[in-house]
């Protein structure tokens, strides 16, 4: 396994999906690679939490 370069579907920035992150995803049973960079994932999570209230 090696690091993967992925382009964020929200901002278009390229980010690295590290071997460690890939192992974590596999451990958790996630079958899909991330489609958003860490910054966009964080922003999306915060927006979802705000929308709950």
PDB file of N, CA and C in Angstrom:
ATOM      1  N   UNK A   1       0.848  -1.180   0.000  1.00  0.00           N
ATOM      2  CA  UNK A   1       0.000   0.000   0.000  1.00  0.00           C
ATOM      3  C   UNK A   1       0.895   1.245   0.000  1.00  0.00           C
ATOM      4  N   UNK A   2       0.445   2.303  -0.676  1.00  0.00           N
ATOM      5  CA  UNK A   2       1.211   3.552  -0.689  1.00  0.00           C
ATOM      6  C   UNK A   2       0.258   4.744  -0.615  1.00  0.00           C
ATOM      7  N   UNK A   3       0.817   5.918  -0.294  1.00  0.00           N
ATOM      8  CA  UNK A   3       0.016   7.135  -0.228  1.00  0.00           C
ATOM      9  C   UNK A   3      -0.686   7.369  -1.565  1.00  0.00           C
ATOM     10  N   UNK A   4      -1.912   7.922  -1.498  1.00  0.00           N
ATOM     11  CA  UNK A   4      -2.669   8.236  -2.712  1.00  0.00           C
ATOM     12  C   UNK A   4      -2.906   9.735  -2.763  1.00  0.00           C
ATOM     13  N   UNK A   5      -2.815  10.300  -3.953  1.00  0.00           N
ATOM     14  CA  UNK A   5      -3.169  11.702  -4.152  1.00  0.00           C
ATOM     15  C   UNK A   5      -4.603  11.742  -4.657  1.00  0.00           C
ATOM     16  N   UNK A   6      -5.438  12.531  -3.987  1.00  0.00           N
ATOM     17  CA  UNK A   6      -6.857  12.631  -4.328  1.00  0.00           C
ATOM     18  C   UNK A   6      -7.202  14.108  -4.487  1.00  0.00           C
ATOM     19  N   UNK A   7      -8.078  14.415  -5.425  1.00  0.00           N
ATOM     20  CA  UNK A   7      -8.541  15.786  -5.621  1.00  0.00           C
ATOM     21  C   UNK A   7      -9.875  15.961  -4.904  1.00  0.00           C
ATOM     22  N   UNK A   8      -9.961  16.976  -4.057  1.00  0.00           N
ATOM     23  CA  UNK A   8     -11.175  17.265  -3.291  1.00  0.00           C
ATOM     24  C   UNK A   8     -12.312  17.637  -4.236  1.00  0.00           C
ATOM     25  N   UNK A   9     -13.486  17.051  -3.998  1.00  0.00           N
ATOM     26  CA  UNK A   9     -14.620  17.334  -4.880  1.00  0.00           C
ATOM     27  C   UNK A   9     -15.255  18.685  -4.575  1.00  0.00           C
ATOM     28  N   UNK A  10     -14.952  19.278  -3.416  1.00  0.00           N
ATOM     29  CA  UNK A  10     -15.527  20.582  -3.076  1.00  0.00           C
ATOM     30  C   UNK A  10     -14.641  21.743  -3.525  1.00  0.00           C
ATOM     31  N   UNK A  11     -13.364  21.719  -3.148  1.00  0.00           N
ATOM     32  CA  UNK A  11     -12.487  22.865  -3.428  1.00  0.00           C
ATOM     33  C   UNK A  11     -11.513  22.618  -4.574  1.00  0.00           C
ATOM     34  N   UNK A  12     -11.367  21.358  -4.996  1.00  0.00           N
ATOM     35  CA  UNK A  12     -10.483  21.044  -6.111  1.00  0.00           C
ATOM     36  C   UNK A  12      -9.016  20.912  -5.731  1.00  0.00           C
ATOM     37  N   UNK A  13      -8.710  21.089  -4.437  1.00  0.00           N
ATOM     38  CA  UNK A  13      -7.326  20.984  -3.974  1.00  0.00           C
ATOM     39  C   UNK A  13      -6.909  19.515  -3.908  1.00  0.00           C
ATOM     40  N   UNK A  14      -5.661  19.246  -4.249  1.00  0.00           N
ATOM     41  CA  UNK A  14      -5.139  17.885  -4.152  1.00  0.00           C
ATOM     42  C   UNK A  14      -4.658  17.642  -2.723  1.00  0.00           C
ATOM     43  N   UNK A  15      -4.985  16.476  -2.173  1.00  0.00           N
ATOM     44  CA  UNK A  15      -4.514  16.119  -0.841  1.00  0.00           C
ATOM     45  C   UNK A  15      -4.024  14.681  -0.845  1.00  0.00           C
ATOM     46  N   UNK A  16      -3.230  14.334   0.164  1.00  0.00           N
ATOM     47  CA  UNK A  16      -2.649  12.998   0.247  1.00  0.00           C
ATOM     48  C   UNK A  16      -3.445  12.158   1.240  1.00  0.00           C
ATOM     49  N   UNK A  17      -3.864  10.989   0.799  1.00  0.00           N
ATOM     50  CA  UNK A  17      -4.530   9.991   1.632  1.00  0.00           C
ATOM     51  C   UNK A  17      -3.432   9.007   2.029  1.00  0.00           C
ATOM     52  N   UNK A  18      -2.899   9.188   3.232  1.00  0.00           N
ATOM     53  CA  UNK A  18      -1.718   8.438   3.655  1.00  0.00           C
ATOM     54  C   UNK A  18      -2.019   6.963   3.904  1.00  0.00           C
ATOM     55  N   UNK A  19      -0.963   6.177   3.940  1.00  0.00           N
ATOM     56  CA  UNK A  19      -1.090   4.750   4.233  1.00  0.00           C
ATOM     57  C   UNK A  19      -1.761   4.566   5.595  1.00  0.00           C
ATOM     58  N   UNK A  20      -1.366   5.375   6.577  1.00  0.00           N
ATOM     59  CA  UNK A  20      -1.961   5.285   7.912  1.00  0.00           C
ATOM     60  C   UNK A  20      -3.456   5.559   7.889  1.00  0.00           C
ATOM     61  N   UNK A  21      -3.858   6.575   7.129  1.00  0.00           N
ATOM     62  CA  UNK A  21      -5.287   6.881   7.004  1.00  0.00           C
ATOM     63  C   UNK A  21      -6.017   5.757   6.282  1.00  0.00           C
ATOM     64  N   UNK A  22      -5.385   5.180   5.264  1.00  0.00           N
ATOM     65  CA  UNK A  22      -5.997   4.075   4.527  1.00  0.00           C
ATOM     66  C   UNK A  22      -6.215   2.876   5.448  1.00  0.00           C
ATOM     67  N   UNK A  23      -5.234   2.593   6.301  1.00  0.00           N
ATOM     68  CA  UNK A  23      -5.359   1.481   7.247  1.00  0.00           C
ATOM     69  C   UNK A  23      -6.481   1.754   8.240  1.00  0.00           C
ATOM     70  N   UNK A  24      -6.595   2.997   8.701  1.00  0.00           N
ATOM     71  CA  UNK A  24      -7.664   3.384   9.625  1.00  0.00           C
ATOM     72  C   UNK A  24      -9.028   3.176   8.963  1.00  0.00           C
ATOM     73  N   UNK A  25      -9.173   3.635   7.726  1.00  0.00           N
ATOM     74  CA  UNK A  25     -10.437   3.475   7.005  1.00  0.00           C
ATOM     75  C   UNK A  25     -10.786   1.998   6.871  1.00  0.00           C
ATOM     76  N   UNK A  26      -9.784   1.184   6.523  1.00  0.00           N
ATOM     77  CA  UNK A  26     -10.007  -0.256   6.351  1.00  0.00           C
ATOM     78  C   UNK A  26     -10.435  -0.895   7.676  1.00  0.00           C
ATOM     79  N   UNK A  27      -9.758  -0.491   8.768  1.00  0.00           N
ATOM     80  CA  UNK A  27     -10.079  -0.992  10.108  1.00  0.00           C
ATOM     81  C   UNK A  27     -11.524  -0.689  10.491  1.00  0.00           C
ATOM     82  N   UNK A  28     -11.986   0.503  10.129  1.00  0.00           N
ATOM     83  CA  UNK A  28     -13.346   0.940  10.454  1.00  0.00           C
ATOM     84  C   UNK A  28     -14.389   0.345   9.517  1.00  0.00           C
ATOM     85  N   UNK A  29     -13.931  -0.334   8.465  1.00  0.00           N
ATOM     86  CA  UNK A  29     -14.859  -0.945   7.523  1.00  0.00           C
ATOM     87  C   UNK A  29     -15.336  -0.003   6.434  1.00  0.00           C
ATOM     88  N   UNK A  30     -14.688   1.164   6.303  1.00  0.00           N
ATOM     89  CA  UNK A  30     -15.055   2.104   5.245  1.00  0.00           C
ATOM     90  C   UNK A  30     -14.559   1.546   3.918  1.00  0.00           C
ATOM     91  N   UNK A  31     -15.442   1.459   2.939  1.00  0.00           N
ATOM     92  CA  UNK A  31     -15.060   0.883   1.652  1.00  0.00           C
ATOM     93  C   UNK A  31     -14.637   1.930   0.631  1.00  0.00           C
ATOM     94  N   UNK A  32     -15.017   3.193   0.844  1.00  0.00           N
ATOM     95  CA  UNK A  32     -14.698   4.256  -0.114  1.00  0.00           C
ATOM     96  C   UNK A  32     -13.587   5.152   0.410  1.00  0.00           C
ATOM     97  N   UNK A  33     -12.753   5.625  -0.493  1.00  0.00           N
ATOM     98  CA  UNK A  33     -11.744   6.616  -0.140  1.00  0.00           C
ATOM     99  C   UNK A  33     -12.447   7.955   0.100  1.00  0.00           C
ATOM    100  N   UNK A  34     -11.823   8.856   0.858  1.00  0.00           N
ATOM    101  CA  UNK A  34     -12.444  10.169   1.062  1.00  0.00           C
ATOM    102  C   UNK A  34     -12.511  10.940  -0.257  1.00  0.00           C
ATOM    103  N   UNK A  35     -13.522  11.790  -0.394  1.00  0.00           N
ATOM    104  CA  UNK A  35     -13.655  12.607  -1.602  1.00  0.00           C
ATOM    105  C   UNK A  35     -13.413  14.082  -1.301  1.00  0.00           C
ATOM    106  N   UNK A  36     -13.294  14.423  -0.008  1.00  0.00           N
ATOM    107  CA  UNK A  36     -13.034  15.800   0.403  1.00  0.00           C
ATOM    108  C   UNK A  36     -11.727  15.873   1.179  1.00  0.00           C
ATOM    109  N   UNK A  37     -11.017  17.000   1.027  1.00  0.00           N
ATOM    110  CA  UNK A  37      -9.778  17.215   1.773  1.00  0.00           C
ATOM    111  C   UNK A  37     -10.117  17.405   3.256  1.00  0.00           C
ATOM    112  N   UNK A  38      -9.135  17.275   4.136  1.00  0.00           N
ATOM    113  CA  UNK A  38      -9.409  17.423   5.574  1.00  0.00           C
ATOM    114  C   UNK A  38     -10.090  18.744   5.937  1.00  0.00           C
ATOM    115  N   UNK A  39      -9.706  19.848   5.280  1.00  0.00           N
ATOM    116  CA  UNK A  39     -10.319  21.140   5.579  1.00  0.00           C
ATOM    117  C   UNK A  39     -11.801  21.154   5.206  1.00  0.00           C
ATOM    118  N   UNK A  40     -12.135  20.624   4.038  1.00  0.00           N
ATOM    119  CA  UNK A  40     -13.531  20.590   3.600  1.00  0.00           C
ATOM    120  C   UNK A  40     -14.347  19.599   4.433  1.00  0.00           C
ATOM    121  N   UNK A  41     -13.725  18.493   4.838  1.00  0.00           N
ATOM    122  CA  UNK A  41     -14.423  17.535   5.712  1.00  0.00           C
ATOM    123  C   UNK A  41     -14.777  18.199   7.031  1.00  0.00           C
ATOM    124  N   UNK A  42     -13.810  18.954   7.584  1.00  0.00           N
ATOM    125  CA  UNK A  42     -14.033  19.642   8.856  1.00  0.00           C
ATOM    126  C   UNK A  42     -15.148  20.683   8.715  1.00  0.00           C
ATOM    127  N   UNK A  43     -15.113  21.454   7.630  1.00  0.00           N
ATOM    128  CA  UNK A  43     -16.130  22.483   7.392  1.00  0.00           C
ATOM    129  C   UNK A  43     -17.507  21.846   7.210  1.00  0.00           C
ATOM    130  N   UNK A  44     -17.566  20.746   6.486  1.00  0.00           N
ATOM    131  CA  UNK A  44     -18.840  20.059   6.245  1.00  0.00           C
ATOM    132  C   UNK A  44     -19.410  19.499   7.550  1.00  0.00           C
ATOM    133  N   UNK A  45     -18.541  18.939   8.377  1.00  0.00           N
ATOM    134  CA  UNK A  45     -18.977  18.397   9.667  1.00  0.00           C
ATOM    135  C   UNK A  45     -19.528  19.515  10.555  1.00  0.00           C
ATOM    136  N   UNK A  46     -18.830  20.651  10.591  1.00  0.00           N
ATOM    137  CA  UNK A  46     -19.280  21.791  11.399  1.00  0.00           C
ATOM    138  C   UNK A  46     -20.627  22.302  10.892  1.00  0.00           C
ATOM    139  N   UNK A  47     -20.795  22.366   9.576  1.00  0.00           N
ATOM    140  CA  UNK A  47     -22.057  22.836   8.995  1.00  0.00           C
ATOM    141  C   UNK A  47     -23.197  21.890   9.355  1.00  0.00           C
ATOM    142  N   UNK A  48     -22.944  20.594   9.295  1.00  0.00           N
ATOM    143  CA  UNK A  48     -23.974  19.612   9.649  1.00  0.00           C
ATOM    144  C   UNK A  48     -24.393  19.768  11.107  1.00  0.00           C
ATOM    145  N   UNK A  49     -23.410  20.014  11.993  1.00  0.00           N
ATOM    146  CA  UNK A  49     -23.721  20.183  13.408  1.00  0.00           C
ATOM    147  C   UNK A  49     -24.547  21.444  13.637  1.00  0.00           C
ATOM    148  N   UNK A  50     -24.235  22.533  12.912  1.00  0.00           N
ATOM    149  CA  UNK A  50     -25.010  23.774  13.039  1.00  0.00           C
ATOM    150  C   UNK A  50     -26.430  23.568  12.539  1.00  0.00           C
ATOM    151  N   UNK A  51     -26.589  22.778  11.492  1.00  0.00           N
ATOM    152  CA  UNK A  51     -27.905  22.550  10.905  1.00  0.00           C
ATOM    153  C   UNK A  51     -28.815  21.722  11.811  1.00  0.00           C
ATOM    154  N   UNK A  52     -28.237  21.002  12.748  1.00  0.00           N
ATOM    155  CA  UNK A  52     -29.035  20.155  13.647  1.00  0.00           C
ATOM    156  C   UNK A  52     -29.825  20.969  14.658  1.00  0.00           C
ATOM    157  N   UNK A  53     -29.417  22.198  14.908  1.00  0.00           N
ATOM    158  CA  UNK A  53     -30.077  22.998  15.944  1.00  0.00           C
ATOM    159  C   UNK A  53     -30.965  24.067  15.380  1.00  0.00           C
TER     160      UNK A  53
END
